[in-house]
Structure formats: C-alpha cells, structure tokens
C-alpha cells in the first residue's frame, strides 16, 4: 500500500521538477 503512494508522489513531483528546470 506504500508503493502506490510513492508512485503518486513521484508522478506529482516530476512535472514540478520539469517546470523548475525549464
């Protein structure tokens, strides 16, 4: 039940990191 949460957090952080880089 922890893995889905981590996946959701990663998917949520990826766009933020991309916006931060670009």
C-alpha atoms as a PDB file:
ATOM      1  CA  UNK A   1       0.000   0.000   0.000  1.00  0.00           C
ATOM      2  CA  UNK A   2       3.074   2.204   0.253  1.00  0.00           C
ATOM      3  CA  UNK A   3       4.227   1.723  -3.334  1.00  0.00           C
ATOM      4  CA  UNK A   4       1.127   3.382  -4.903  1.00  0.00           C
ATOM      5  CA  UNK A   5       1.667   6.392  -2.637  1.00  0.00           C
ATOM      6  CA  UNK A   6       5.313   6.664  -3.696  1.00  0.00           C
ATOM      7  CA  UNK A   7       4.295   6.350  -7.349  1.00  0.00           C
ATOM      8  CA  UNK A   8       1.744   9.129  -6.898  1.00  0.00           C
ATOM      9  CA  UNK A   9       4.288  11.366  -5.170  1.00  0.00           C
ATOM     10  CA  UNK A  10       6.876  10.742  -7.914  1.00  0.00           C
ATOM     11  CA  UNK A  11       4.332  11.403 -10.682  1.00  0.00           C
ATOM     12  CA  UNK A  12       3.346  14.597  -8.846  1.00  0.00           C
ATOM     13  CA  UNK A  13       6.954  15.780  -8.386  1.00  0.00           C
ATOM     14  CA  UNK A  14       8.134  15.010 -11.932  1.00  0.00           C
ATOM     15  CA  UNK A  15       6.115  17.854 -13.577  1.00  0.00           C
ATOM     16  CA  UNK A  16       7.249  20.256 -10.836  1.00  0.00           C
ATOM     17  CA  UNK A  17      10.915  19.372 -11.377  1.00  0.00           C
ATOM     18  CA  UNK A  18      10.482  19.730 -15.163  1.00  0.00           C
ATOM     19  CA  UNK A  19       8.880  23.155 -14.672  1.00  0.00           C
ATOM     20  CA  UNK A  20      11.735  24.084 -12.338  1.00  0.00           C
ATOM     21  CA  UNK A  21      14.381  23.028 -14.870  1.00  0.00           C
ATOM     22  CA  UNK A  22      12.664  24.657 -17.850  1.00  0.00           C
END
